[in-house]
Amino acid sequence: MMKVTRMDTNLWGHESFEYVGYDKEAEIFSIFLPEGCCLSFTSVKEQVVFSFLLALDKESFILQKLIPFFPFEKSSEQVSHSVSIKQAASI
């Protein structure tokens, strides 16, 4: 079962996403984008999720630690939001 948490955009200083979720049994880490779509990374160990939660620059973590190393799917073709996370998702 996926547990979802809200990432306060004001506190963390980003606008690319507001919610993240993790299914420990399936090892799926999801980032929910404001447009209603999400990026779902597979084979993500719990330790990687903890590292993400502790990272000060979450957008850089996504670009440098998740996208290059974990397979991912986007839930729709609507990924056309601000920063370069959206650009990386179009790969």
PDB file of N, CA and C in Angstrom:
ATOM      1  N   MET A   1       0.840  -1.174   0.000  1.00  0.00           N
ATOM      2  CA  MET A   1       0.000   0.000   0.000  1.00  0.00           C
ATOM      3  C   MET A   1       0.893   1.248   0.000  1.00  0.00           C
ATOM      4  N   MET A   2       0.554   2.194  -0.865  1.00  0.00           N
ATOM      5  CA  MET A   2       1.350   3.410  -0.968  1.00  0.00           C
ATOM      6  C   MET A   2       0.957   4.399   0.120  1.00  0.00           C
ATOM      7  N   LYS A   3       1.966   4.901   0.816  1.00  0.00           N
ATOM      8  CA  LYS A   3       1.766   5.962   1.802  1.00  0.00           C
ATOM      9  C   LYS A   3       2.203   7.265   1.156  1.00  0.00           C
ATOM     10  N   VAL A   4       1.338   8.270   1.220  1.00  0.00           N
ATOM     11  CA  VAL A   4       1.591   9.552   0.564  1.00  0.00           C
ATOM     12  C   VAL A   4       1.783  10.631   1.621  1.00  0.00           C
ATOM     13  N   THR A   5       2.737  11.516   1.378  1.00  0.00           N
ATOM     14  CA  THR A   5       2.976  12.628   2.288  1.00  0.00           C
ATOM     15  C   THR A   5       3.081  13.924   1.500  1.00  0.00           C
ATOM     16  N   ARG A   6       2.680  15.005   2.128  1.00  0.00           N
ATOM     17  CA  ARG A   6       2.732  16.328   1.504  1.00  0.00           C
ATOM     18  C   ARG A   6       4.092  16.947   1.788  1.00  0.00           C
ATOM     19  N   MET A   7       4.703  17.486   0.744  1.00  0.00           N
ATOM     20  CA  MET A   7       5.987  18.173   0.868  1.00  0.00           C
ATOM     21  C   MET A   7       5.703  19.665   0.729  1.00  0.00           C
ATOM     22  N   ASP A   8       5.744  20.388   1.820  1.00  0.00           N
ATOM     23  CA  ASP A   8       5.416  21.818   1.823  1.00  0.00           C
ATOM     24  C   ASP A   8       6.328  22.575   0.860  1.00  0.00           C
ATOM     25  N   THR A   9       5.739  23.113  -0.205  1.00  0.00           N
ATOM     26  CA  THR A   9       6.533  23.803  -1.227  1.00  0.00           C
ATOM     27  C   THR A   9       7.196  25.061  -0.681  1.00  0.00           C
ATOM     28  N   ASN A  10       6.579  25.731   0.264  1.00  0.00           N
ATOM     29  CA  ASN A  10       7.184  26.928   0.867  1.00  0.00           C
ATOM     30  C   ASN A  10       8.377  26.565   1.744  1.00  0.00           C
ATOM     31  N   LEU A  11       8.225  25.515   2.512  1.00  0.00           N
ATOM     32  CA  LEU A  11       9.297  25.076   3.405  1.00  0.00           C
ATOM     33  C   LEU A  11      10.520  24.595   2.628  1.00  0.00           C
ATOM     34  N   TRP A  12      10.282  23.810   1.573  1.00  0.00           N
ATOM     35  CA  TRP A  12      11.382  23.202   0.830  1.00  0.00           C
ATOM     36  C   TRP A  12      11.862  24.047  -0.337  1.00  0.00           C
ATOM     37  N   GLY A  13      11.133  25.105  -0.683  1.00  0.00           N
ATOM     38  CA  GLY A  13      11.581  26.020  -1.727  1.00  0.00           C
ATOM     39  C   GLY A  13      11.543  25.465  -3.138  1.00  0.00           C
ATOM     40  N   HIS A  14      10.551  24.667  -3.443  1.00  0.00           N
ATOM     41  CA  HIS A  14      10.395  24.163  -4.808  1.00  0.00           C
ATOM     42  C   HIS A  14       8.934  24.282  -5.214  1.00  0.00           C
ATOM     43  N   GLU A  15       8.672  24.199  -6.505  1.00  0.00           N
ATOM     44  CA  GLU A  15       7.302  24.286  -7.008  1.00  0.00           C
ATOM     45  C   GLU A  15       6.956  23.117  -7.912  1.00  0.00           C
ATOM     46  N   SER A  16       7.869  22.186  -8.102  1.00  0.00           N
ATOM     47  CA  SER A  16       7.680  21.110  -9.069  1.00  0.00           C
ATOM     48  C   SER A  16       6.701  20.033  -8.615  1.00  0.00           C
ATOM     49  N   PHE A  17       6.575  19.841  -7.324  1.00  0.00           N
ATOM     50  CA  PHE A  17       5.687  18.801  -6.810  1.00  0.00           C
ATOM     51  C   PHE A  17       5.258  19.161  -5.397  1.00  0.00           C
ATOM     52  N   GLU A  18       4.165  18.546  -4.963  1.00  0.00           N
ATOM     53  CA  GLU A  18       3.679  18.816  -3.613  1.00  0.00           C
ATOM     54  C   GLU A  18       3.528  17.542  -2.782  1.00  0.00           C
ATOM     55  N   TYR A  19       3.348  16.406  -3.453  1.00  0.00           N
ATOM     56  CA  TYR A  19       3.154  15.141  -2.747  1.00  0.00           C
ATOM     57  C   TYR A  19       4.113  14.085  -3.282  1.00  0.00           C
ATOM     58  N   VAL A  20       4.545  13.212  -2.381  1.00  0.00           N
ATOM     59  CA  VAL A  20       5.313  12.033  -2.766  1.00  0.00           C
ATOM     60  C   VAL A  20       4.693  10.831  -2.062  1.00  0.00           C
ATOM     61  N   GLY A  21       4.872   9.670  -2.656  1.00  0.00           N
ATOM     62  CA  GLY A  21       4.338   8.458  -2.060  1.00  0.00           C
ATOM     63  C   GLY A  21       5.310   7.306  -2.219  1.00  0.00           C
ATOM     64  N   TYR A  22       5.230   6.348  -1.300  1.00  0.00           N
ATOM     65  CA  TYR A  22       6.110   5.183  -1.372  1.00  0.00           C
ATOM     66  C   TYR A  22       5.348   3.931  -0.992  1.00  0.00           C
ATOM     67  N   ASP A  23       5.463   2.918  -1.831  1.00  0.00           N
ATOM     68  CA  ASP A  23       4.916   1.597  -1.551  1.00  0.00           C
ATOM     69  C   ASP A  23       6.108   0.703  -1.220  1.00  0.00           C
ATOM     70  N   LYS A  24       6.279   0.418   0.056  1.00  0.00           N
ATOM     71  CA  LYS A  24       7.451  -0.324   0.534  1.00  0.00           C
ATOM     72  C   LYS A  24       7.503  -1.738  -0.044  1.00  0.00           C
ATOM     73  N   GLU A  25       6.367  -2.410  -0.106  1.00  0.00           N
ATOM     74  CA  GLU A  25       6.341  -3.787  -0.604  1.00  0.00           C
ATOM     75  C   GLU A  25       6.662  -3.856  -2.093  1.00  0.00           C
ATOM     76  N   ALA A  26       6.111  -2.936  -2.869  1.00  0.00           N
ATOM     77  CA  ALA A  26       6.338  -2.928  -4.319  1.00  0.00           C
ATOM     78  C   ALA A  26       7.592  -2.147  -4.706  1.00  0.00           C
ATOM     79  N   GLU A  27       8.169  -1.422  -3.756  1.00  0.00           N
ATOM     80  CA  GLU A  27       9.346  -0.574  -3.976  1.00  0.00           C
ATOM     81  C   GLU A  27       9.103   0.449  -5.093  1.00  0.00           C
ATOM     82  N   ILE A  28       7.954   1.120  -5.003  1.00  0.00           N
ATOM     83  CA  ILE A  28       7.595   2.162  -5.969  1.00  0.00           C
ATOM     84  C   ILE A  28       7.563   3.503  -5.251  1.00  0.00           C
ATOM     85  N   PHE A  29       8.323   4.450  -5.774  1.00  0.00           N
ATOM     86  CA  PHE A  29       8.377   5.810  -5.238  1.00  0.00           C
ATOM     87  C   PHE A  29       7.739   6.730  -6.270  1.00  0.00           C
ATOM     88  N   SER A  30       6.700   7.453  -5.866  1.00  0.00           N
ATOM     89  CA  SER A  30       5.957   8.307  -6.790  1.00  0.00           C
ATOM     90  C   SER A  30       6.047   9.765  -6.385  1.00  0.00           C
ATOM     91  N   ILE A  31       6.190  10.612  -7.389  1.00  0.00           N
ATOM     92  CA  ILE A  31       6.215  12.059  -7.200  1.00  0.00           C
ATOM     93  C   ILE A  31       5.022  12.614  -7.952  1.00  0.00           C
ATOM     94  N   PHE A  32       4.113  13.246  -7.217  1.00  0.00           N
ATOM     95  CA  PHE A  32       2.869  13.745  -7.795  1.00  0.00           C
ATOM     96  C   PHE A  32       3.034  15.206  -8.198  1.00  0.00           C
ATOM     97  N   LEU A  33       2.881  15.464  -9.475  1.00  0.00           N
ATOM     98  CA  LEU A  33       3.063  16.805 -10.026  1.00  0.00           C
ATOM     99  C   LEU A  33       1.757  17.587  -9.974  1.00  0.00           C
ATOM    100  N   PRO A  34       1.833  18.900  -9.933  1.00  0.00           N
ATOM    101  CA  PRO A  34       0.635  19.739  -9.781  1.00  0.00           C
ATOM    102  C   PRO A  34      -0.417  19.550 -10.877  1.00  0.00           C
ATOM    103  N   GLU A  35      -0.006  19.136 -12.076  1.00  0.00           N
ATOM    104  CA  GLU A  35      -0.958  18.972 -13.176  1.00  0.00           C
ATOM    105  C   GLU A  35      -1.842  17.750 -13.022  1.00  0.00           C
ATOM    106  N   GLY A  36      -1.584  16.941 -12.002  1.00  0.00           N
ATOM    107  CA  GLY A  36      -2.391  15.756 -11.790  1.00  0.00           C
ATOM    108  C   GLY A  36      -1.736  14.480 -12.286  1.00  0.00           C
ATOM    109  N   CYS A  37      -0.552  14.573 -12.842  1.00  0.00           N
ATOM    110  CA  CYS A  37       0.153  13.368 -13.262  1.00  0.00           C
ATOM    111  C   CYS A  37       1.258  13.067 -12.251  1.00  0.00           C
ATOM    112  N   CYS A  38       1.901  11.926 -12.422  1.00  0.00           N
ATOM    113  CA  CYS A  38       2.976  11.598 -11.487  1.00  0.00           C
ATOM    114  C   CYS A  38       4.078  10.813 -12.173  1.00  0.00           C
ATOM    115  N   LEU A  39       5.253  10.879 -11.574  1.00  0.00           N
ATOM    116  CA  LEU A  39       6.392  10.067 -11.984  1.00  0.00           C
ATOM    117  C   LEU A  39       6.500   8.938 -10.970  1.00  0.00           C
ATOM    118  N   SER A  40       6.493   7.694 -11.448  1.00  0.00           N
ATOM    119  CA  SER A  40       6.605   6.536 -10.565  1.00  0.00           C
ATOM    120  C   SER A  40       7.897   5.798 -10.861  1.00  0.00           C
ATOM    121  N   PHE A  41       8.784   5.777  -9.880  1.00  0.00           N
ATOM    122  CA  PHE A  41      10.073   5.111  -9.996  1.00  0.00           C
ATOM    123  C   PHE A  41       9.957   3.715  -9.398  1.00  0.00           C
ATOM    124  N   THR A  42      10.508   2.710 -10.088  1.00  0.00           N
ATOM    125  CA  THR A  42      10.413   1.337  -9.608  1.00  0.00           C
ATOM    126  C   THR A  42      11.754   0.868  -9.043  1.00  0.00           C
ATOM    127  N   SER A  43      11.692  -0.176  -8.240  1.00  0.00           N
ATOM    128  CA  SER A  43      12.870  -0.800  -7.613  1.00  0.00           C
ATOM    129  C   SER A  43      13.621   0.158  -6.691  1.00  0.00           C
ATOM    130  N   VAL A  44      12.895   1.032  -6.015  1.00  0.00           N
ATOM    131  CA  VAL A  44      13.502   2.020  -5.117  1.00  0.00           C
ATOM    132  C   VAL A  44      13.469   1.479  -3.688  1.00  0.00           C
ATOM    133  N   LYS A  45      14.639   1.295  -3.120  1.00  0.00           N
ATOM    134  CA  LYS A  45      14.740   0.815  -1.738  1.00  0.00           C
ATOM    135  C   LYS A  45      14.355   1.926  -0.761  1.00  0.00           C
ATOM    136  N   GLU A  46      13.929   1.511   0.411  1.00  0.00           N
ATOM    137  CA  GLU A  46      13.496   2.449   1.447  1.00  0.00           C
ATOM    138  C   GLU A  46      14.598   3.447   1.813  1.00  0.00           C
ATOM    139  N   GLN A  47      15.838   3.017   1.812  1.00  0.00           N
ATOM    140  CA  GLN A  47      16.962   3.894   2.157  1.00  0.00           C
ATOM    141  C   GLN A  47      17.064   5.069   1.177  1.00  0.00           C
ATOM    142  N   VAL A  48      16.766   4.832  -0.093  1.00  0.00           N
ATOM    143  CA  VAL A  48      16.795   5.904  -1.093  1.00  0.00           C
ATOM    144  C   VAL A  48      15.696   6.924  -0.795  1.00  0.00           C
ATOM    145  N   VAL A  49      14.533   6.441  -0.394  1.00  0.00           N
ATOM    146  CA  VAL A  49      13.425   7.341  -0.043  1.00  0.00           C
ATOM    147  C   VAL A  49      13.811   8.190   1.164  1.00  0.00           C
ATOM    148  N   PHE A  50      14.433   7.585   2.164  1.00  0.00           N
ATOM    149  CA  PHE A  50      14.888   8.351   3.328  1.00  0.00           C
ATOM    150  C   PHE A  50      15.910   9.408   2.911  1.00  0.00           C
ATOM    151  N   SER A  51      16.811   9.047   2.023  1.00  0.00           N
ATOM    152  CA  SER A  51      17.798  10.016   1.532  1.00  0.00           C
ATOM    153  C   SER A  51      17.112  11.177   0.828  1.00  0.00           C
ATOM    154  N   PHE A  52      16.080  10.877   0.054  1.00  0.00           N
ATOM    155  CA  PHE A  52      15.314  11.930  -0.617  1.00  0.00           C
ATOM    156  C   PHE A  52      14.672  12.859   0.412  1.00  0.00           C
ATOM    157  N   LEU A  53      14.056  12.276   1.425  1.00  0.00           N
ATOM    158  CA  LEU A  53      13.373  13.083   2.441  1.00  0.00           C
ATOM    159  C   LEU A  53      14.344  13.985   3.194  1.00  0.00           C
ATOM    160  N   LEU A  54      15.578  13.532   3.373  1.00  0.00           N
ATOM    161  CA  LEU A  54      16.584  14.321   4.081  1.00  0.00           C
ATOM    162  C   LEU A  54      17.315  15.321   3.182  1.00  0.00           C
ATOM    163  N   ALA A  55      17.226  15.137   1.881  1.00  0.00           N
ATOM    164  CA  ALA A  55      17.941  16.009   0.943  1.00  0.00           C
ATOM    165  C   ALA A  55      17.413  17.441   1.023  1.00  0.00           C
ATOM    166  N   LEU A  56      18.318  18.398   1.075  1.00  0.00           N
ATOM    167  CA  LEU A  56      17.917  19.807   1.116  1.00  0.00           C
ATOM    168  C   LEU A  56      17.429  20.282  -0.246  1.00  0.00           C
ATOM    169  N   ASP A  57      18.033  19.794  -1.316  1.00  0.00           N
ATOM    170  CA  ASP A  57      17.622  20.163  -2.671  1.00  0.00           C
ATOM    171  C   ASP A  57      16.973  18.944  -3.326  1.00  0.00           C
ATOM    172  N   LYS A  58      15.677  18.825  -3.148  1.00  0.00           N
ATOM    173  CA  LYS A  58      14.949  17.653  -3.613  1.00  0.00           C
ATOM    174  C   LYS A  58      14.905  17.561  -5.135  1.00  0.00           C
ATOM    175  N   GLU A  59      14.821  18.691  -5.817  1.00  0.00           N
ATOM    176  CA  GLU A  59      14.790  18.665  -7.277  1.00  0.00           C
ATOM    177  C   GLU A  59      16.109  18.138  -7.838  1.00  0.00           C
ATOM    178  N   SER A  60      17.226  18.550  -7.267  1.00  0.00           N
ATOM    179  CA  SER A  60      18.525  18.022  -7.698  1.00  0.00           C
ATOM    180  C   SER A  60      18.632  16.532  -7.394  1.00  0.00           C
ATOM    181  N   PHE A  61      18.099  16.116  -6.267  1.00  0.00           N
ATOM    182  CA  PHE A  61      18.117  14.696  -5.912  1.00  0.00           C
ATOM    183  C   PHE A  61      17.372  13.891  -6.972  1.00  0.00           C
ATOM    184  N   ILE A  62      16.208  14.382  -7.379  1.00  0.00           N
ATOM    185  CA  ILE A  62      15.425  13.689  -8.406  1.00  0.00           C
ATOM    186  C   ILE A  62      16.234  13.578  -9.694  1.00  0.00           C
ATOM    187  N   LEU A  63      16.833  14.683 -10.098  1.00  0.00           N
ATOM    188  CA  LEU A  63      17.577  14.721 -11.361  1.00  0.00           C
ATOM    189  C   LEU A  63      18.876  13.929 -11.322  1.00  0.00           C
ATOM    190  N   GLN A  64      19.538  13.906 -10.174  1.00  0.00           N
ATOM    191  CA  GLN A  64      20.858  13.279 -10.091  1.00  0.00           C
ATOM    192  C   GLN A  64      20.849  11.868  -9.512  1.00  0.00           C
ATOM    193  N   LYS A  65      19.881  11.564  -8.652  1.00  0.00           N
ATOM    194  CA  LYS A  65      19.897  10.278  -7.954  1.00  0.00           C
ATOM    195  C   LYS A  65      18.765   9.334  -8.362  1.00  0.00           C
ATOM    196  N   LEU A  66      17.666   9.874  -8.866  1.00  0.00           N
ATOM    197  CA  LEU A  66      16.543   9.009  -9.237  1.00  0.00           C
ATOM    198  C   LEU A  66      16.478   8.758 -10.744  1.00  0.00           C
ATOM    199  N   ILE A  67      16.333   9.821 -11.520  1.00  0.00           N
ATOM    200  CA  ILE A  67      16.120   9.665 -12.964  1.00  0.00           C
ATOM    201  C   ILE A  67      17.230   8.858 -13.652  1.00  0.00           C
ATOM    202  N   PRO A  68      18.503   9.090 -13.339  1.00  0.00           N
ATOM    203  CA  PRO A  68      19.541   8.313 -14.037  1.00  0.00           C
ATOM    204  C   PRO A  68      19.631   6.839 -13.620  1.00  0.00           C
ATOM    205  N   PHE A  69      19.109   6.484 -12.450  1.00  0.00           N
ATOM    206  CA  PHE A  69      19.366   5.155 -11.908  1.00  0.00           C
ATOM    207  C   PHE A  69      18.148   4.254 -11.732  1.00  0.00           C
ATOM    208  N   PHE A  70      16.950   4.806 -11.801  1.00  0.00           N
ATOM    209  CA  PHE A  70      15.756   4.001 -11.574  1.00  0.00           C
ATOM    210  C   PHE A  70      14.796   4.124 -12.750  1.00  0.00           C
ATOM    211  N   PRO A  71      14.253   2.984 -13.204  1.00  0.00           N
ATOM    212  CA  PRO A  71      13.240   3.062 -14.258  1.00  0.00           C
ATOM    213  C   PRO A  71      12.036   3.842 -13.734  1.00  0.00           C
ATOM    214  N   PHE A  72      11.412   4.625 -14.611  1.00  0.00           N
ATOM    215  CA  PHE A  72      10.230   5.362 -14.174  1.00  0.00           C
ATOM    216  C   PHE A  72       9.228   5.496 -15.302  1.00  0.00           C
ATOM    217  N   GLU A  73       7.986   5.707 -14.899  1.00  0.00           N
ATOM    218  CA  GLU A  73       6.893   5.941 -15.838  1.00  0.00           C
ATOM    219  C   GLU A  73       6.189   7.206 -15.414  1.00  0.00           C
ATOM    220  N   LYS A  74       5.634   7.902 -16.385  1.00  0.00           N
ATOM    221  CA  LYS A  74       4.788   9.042 -16.041  1.00  0.00           C
ATOM    222  C   LYS A  74       3.352   8.649 -16.334  1.00  0.00           C
ATOM    223  N   SER A  75       2.446   9.133 -15.503  1.00  0.00           N
ATOM    224  CA  SER A  75       1.060   8.696 -15.579  1.00  0.00           C
ATOM    225  C   SER A  75       0.311   9.282 -16.760  1.00  0.00           C
ATOM    226  N   SER A  76       0.835  10.365 -17.343  1.00  0.00           N
ATOM    227  CA  SER A  76       0.191  10.969 -18.511  1.00  0.00           C
ATOM    228  C   SER A  76       1.222  11.785 -19.260  1.00  0.00           C
ATOM    229  N   GLU A  77       0.835  12.323 -20.377  1.00  0.00           N
ATOM    230  CA  GLU A  77       1.732  13.149 -21.184  1.00  0.00           C
ATOM    231  C   GLU A  77       1.659  14.613 -20.791  1.00  0.00           C
ATOM    232  N   GLN A  78       1.035  14.946 -19.667  1.00  0.00           N
ATOM    233  CA  GLN A  78       0.841  16.326 -19.254  1.00  0.00           C
ATOM    234  C   GLN A  78       2.038  16.918 -18.527  1.00  0.00           C
ATOM    235  N   VAL A  79       3.131  16.225 -18.462  1.00  0.00           N
ATOM    236  CA  VAL A  79       4.279  16.729 -17.724  1.00  0.00           C
ATOM    237  C   VAL A  79       4.872  17.902 -18.483  1.00  0.00           C
ATOM    238  N   SER A  80       4.432  19.090 -18.140  1.00  0.00           N
ATOM    239  CA  SER A  80       4.942  20.305 -18.783  1.00  0.00           C
ATOM    240  C   SER A  80       4.943  21.424 -17.766  1.00  0.00           C
ATOM    241  N   HIS A  81       5.643  21.203 -16.680  1.00  0.00           N
ATOM    242  CA  HIS A  81       5.682  22.149 -15.572  1.00  0.00           C
ATOM    243  C   HIS A  81       7.046  22.800 -15.503  1.00  0.00           C
ATOM    244  N   SER A  82       7.192  23.707 -14.606  1.00  0.00           N
ATOM    245  CA  SER A  82       8.368  24.567 -14.443  1.00  0.00           C
ATOM    246  C   SER A  82       9.716  23.911 -14.646  1.00  0.00           C
ATOM    247  N   VAL A  83      10.436  23.688 -13.631  1.00  0.00           N
ATOM    248  CA  VAL A  83      11.852  23.370 -13.602  1.00  0.00           C
ATOM    249  C   VAL A  83      12.231  22.206 -14.521  1.00  0.00           C
ATOM    250  N   SER A  84      13.445  21.738 -14.421  1.00  0.00           N
ATOM    251  CA  SER A  84      13.949  20.720 -15.320  1.00  0.00           C
ATOM    252  C   SER A  84      13.502  19.305 -14.977  1.00  0.00           C
ATOM    253  N   ILE A  85      12.781  19.115 -13.893  1.00  0.00           N
ATOM    254  CA  ILE A  85      12.234  17.791 -13.608  1.00  0.00           C
ATOM    255  C   ILE A  85      11.290  17.419 -14.736  1.00  0.00           C
ATOM    256  N   LYS A  86      10.486  18.357 -15.167  1.00  0.00           N
ATOM    257  CA  LYS A  86       9.554  18.098 -16.263  1.00  0.00           C
ATOM    258  C   LYS A  86      10.314  17.783 -17.542  1.00  0.00           C
ATOM    259  N   GLN A  87      11.398  18.453 -17.774  1.00  0.00           N
ATOM    260  CA  GLN A  87      12.180  18.206 -18.980  1.00  0.00           C
ATOM    261  C   GLN A  87      12.798  16.813 -18.920  1.00  0.00           C
ATOM    262  N   ALA A  88      13.299  16.436 -17.768  1.00  0.00           N
ATOM    263  CA  ALA A  88      13.887  15.112 -17.615  1.00  0.00           C
ATOM    264  C   ALA A  88      12.830  14.032 -17.768  1.00  0.00           C
ATOM    265  N   ALA A  89      11.608  14.311 -17.352  1.00  0.00           N
ATOM    266  CA  ALA A  89      10.530  13.337 -17.455  1.00  0.00           C
ATOM    267  C   ALA A  89      10.130  13.095 -18.900  1.00  0.00           C
ATOM    268  N   SER A  90      10.479  13.993 -19.787  1.00  0.00           N
ATOM    269  CA  SER A  90      10.112  13.821 -21.189  1.00  0.00           C
ATOM    270  C   SER A  90      11.125  12.969 -21.946  1.00  0.00           C
ATOM    271  N   ILE A  91      12.143  12.497 -21.249  1.00  0.00           N
ATOM    272  CA  ILE A  91      13.165  11.649 -21.878  1.00  0.00           C
ATOM    273  C   ILE A  91      12.529  10.358 -22.344  1.00  0.00           C
TER     274      ILE A  91
END
